[in-house]
Amino acid sequence: MKVLSQEEERAHYNVVLKGGAIGGTLGLVGGLAGTMFASRRYPAFRALTLPFRTFLVTSTATFGAIVNADRESIKFAHSKDPMYGYQDASQQRARVAW
């Protein structure tokens, strides 16, 4: 995405940061829930070391942050692109006929 002005760059940064925080939080909650469930349900999981279980939790949080930040960045770019989703008349007719 080409950022044209300082304001757009700041807006993009804020959107990506917010998306990353939301994704990271959801990933952390999911990782904690999965680890707690697996610890109660599976004896083999309980045998794993604490650092490895911690790694599993933090890696899901990191994954969630990265994926959600990227999705928000793409959404922001599409919202600023006037040609995104453009269809000429023939494409519109083909879509309706479909």
Protein backbone atom coordinates (compact mmCIF):
# COMPACT_ATOMS: atom_id res chain seq x y z
CA MET A 1 0.00 0.00 0.00
CA LYS A 2 1.27 3.43 -0.89
CA VAL A 3 0.74 5.91 1.92
CA LEU A 4 0.41 9.40 0.51
CA SER A 5 0.39 11.67 3.51
CA GLN A 6 1.52 11.79 7.11
CA GLU A 7 -2.12 11.65 8.27
CA GLU A 8 -2.81 8.51 6.23
CA GLU A 9 0.35 6.91 7.56
CA ARG A 10 -0.70 7.69 11.12
CA ALA A 11 -4.23 6.39 10.48
CA HIS A 12 -2.84 3.18 8.94
CA TYR A 13 -0.49 2.69 11.88
CA ASN A 14 -3.33 3.15 14.38
CA VAL A 15 -5.59 0.71 12.53
CA VAL A 16 -2.85 -1.93 12.31
CA LEU A 17 -1.87 -1.45 15.96
CA LYS A 18 -5.49 -1.78 17.11
CA GLY A 19 -6.02 -4.87 14.94
CA GLY A 20 -2.84 -6.45 16.26
CA ALA A 21 -3.86 -5.77 19.86
CA ILE A 22 -7.29 -7.30 19.32
CA GLY A 23 -5.87 -10.34 17.52
CA GLY A 24 -3.17 -10.78 20.14
CA THR A 25 -5.67 -10.62 22.95
CA LEU A 26 -7.97 -13.14 21.29
CA GLY A 27 -5.00 -15.40 20.54
CA LEU A 28 -3.84 -15.17 24.15
CA VAL A 29 -7.29 -16.06 25.45
CA GLY A 30 -7.54 -18.94 22.98
CA GLY A 31 -4.08 -20.20 23.85
CA LEU A 32 -4.76 -20.03 27.57
CA ALA A 33 -8.10 -21.78 27.19
CA GLY A 34 -6.59 -24.50 25.00
CA THR A 35 -3.67 -25.03 27.35
CA MET A 36 -5.92 -25.18 30.41
CA PHE A 37 -8.27 -27.63 28.71
CA ALA A 38 -5.42 -29.83 27.49
CA SER A 39 -3.77 -29.77 30.92
CA ARG A 40 -6.93 -31.03 32.57
CA ARG A 41 -7.84 -33.56 29.90
CA TYR A 42 -4.58 -35.13 28.74
CA PRO A 43 -1.93 -36.53 31.11
CA ALA A 44 0.68 -36.36 28.35
CA PHE A 45 0.11 -32.61 28.05
CA ARG A 46 0.56 -32.21 31.79
CA ALA A 47 3.94 -33.88 31.42
CA LEU A 48 5.17 -31.07 29.16
CA THR A 49 7.47 -28.54 30.77
CA LEU A 50 6.13 -25.19 31.89
CA PRO A 51 8.34 -23.26 29.42
CA PHE A 52 6.97 -25.30 26.52
CA ARG A 53 3.36 -24.76 27.59
CA THR A 54 4.12 -21.06 27.95
CA PHE A 55 5.55 -21.09 24.44
CA LEU A 56 2.31 -22.61 23.13
CA VAL A 57 0.27 -19.84 24.74
CA THR A 58 2.48 -17.00 23.55
CA SER A 59 2.81 -18.40 20.04
CA THR A 60 -0.97 -18.43 19.62
CA ALA A 61 -1.09 -14.82 20.83
CA THR A 62 1.66 -13.83 18.40
CA PHE A 63 -0.06 -15.62 15.54
CA GLY A 64 -3.36 -13.90 16.31
CA ALA A 65 -1.70 -10.49 16.47
CA ILE A 66 0.12 -10.91 13.16
CA VAL A 67 -2.85 -12.29 11.24
CA ASN A 68 -5.34 -9.75 12.53
CA ALA A 69 -2.96 -6.81 12.01
CA ASP A 70 -2.41 -7.91 8.41
CA ARG A 71 -6.15 -8.27 7.79
CA GLU A 72 -6.79 -4.79 9.18
CA SER A 73 -4.01 -3.38 7.00
CA ILE A 74 -5.57 -4.92 3.90
CA LYS A 75 -9.02 -3.64 4.89
CA PHE A 76 -7.58 -0.15 5.36
CA ALA A 77 -5.92 -0.27 1.93
CA HIS A 78 -9.15 -1.40 0.30
CA SER A 79 -11.14 1.34 2.01
CA LYS A 80 -8.77 3.96 0.54
CA ASP A 81 -8.76 2.48 -2.99
CA PRO A 82 -11.64 3.86 -5.07
CA MET A 83 -11.16 1.14 -7.70
CA TYR A 84 -11.43 -1.75 -5.25
CA GLY A 85 -14.44 -3.85 -6.13
CA TYR A 86 -15.12 -1.91 -9.34
CA GLN A 87 -17.09 -3.79 -11.96
CA ASP A 88 -17.97 -2.54 -15.40
CA ALA A 89 -21.40 -3.17 -16.91
CA SER A 90 -20.46 -6.51 -18.52
CA GLN A 91 -19.10 -7.86 -15.22
CA GLN A 92 -22.24 -6.73 -13.40
CA ARG A 93 -24.47 -8.49 -15.97
CA ALA A 94 -22.39 -11.66 -15.70
CA ARG A 95 -22.67 -11.58 -11.91
CA VAL A 96 -26.45 -11.13 -12.03
CA ALA A 97 -26.78 -13.95 -14.58
CA TRP A 98 -24.72 -16.25 -12.41
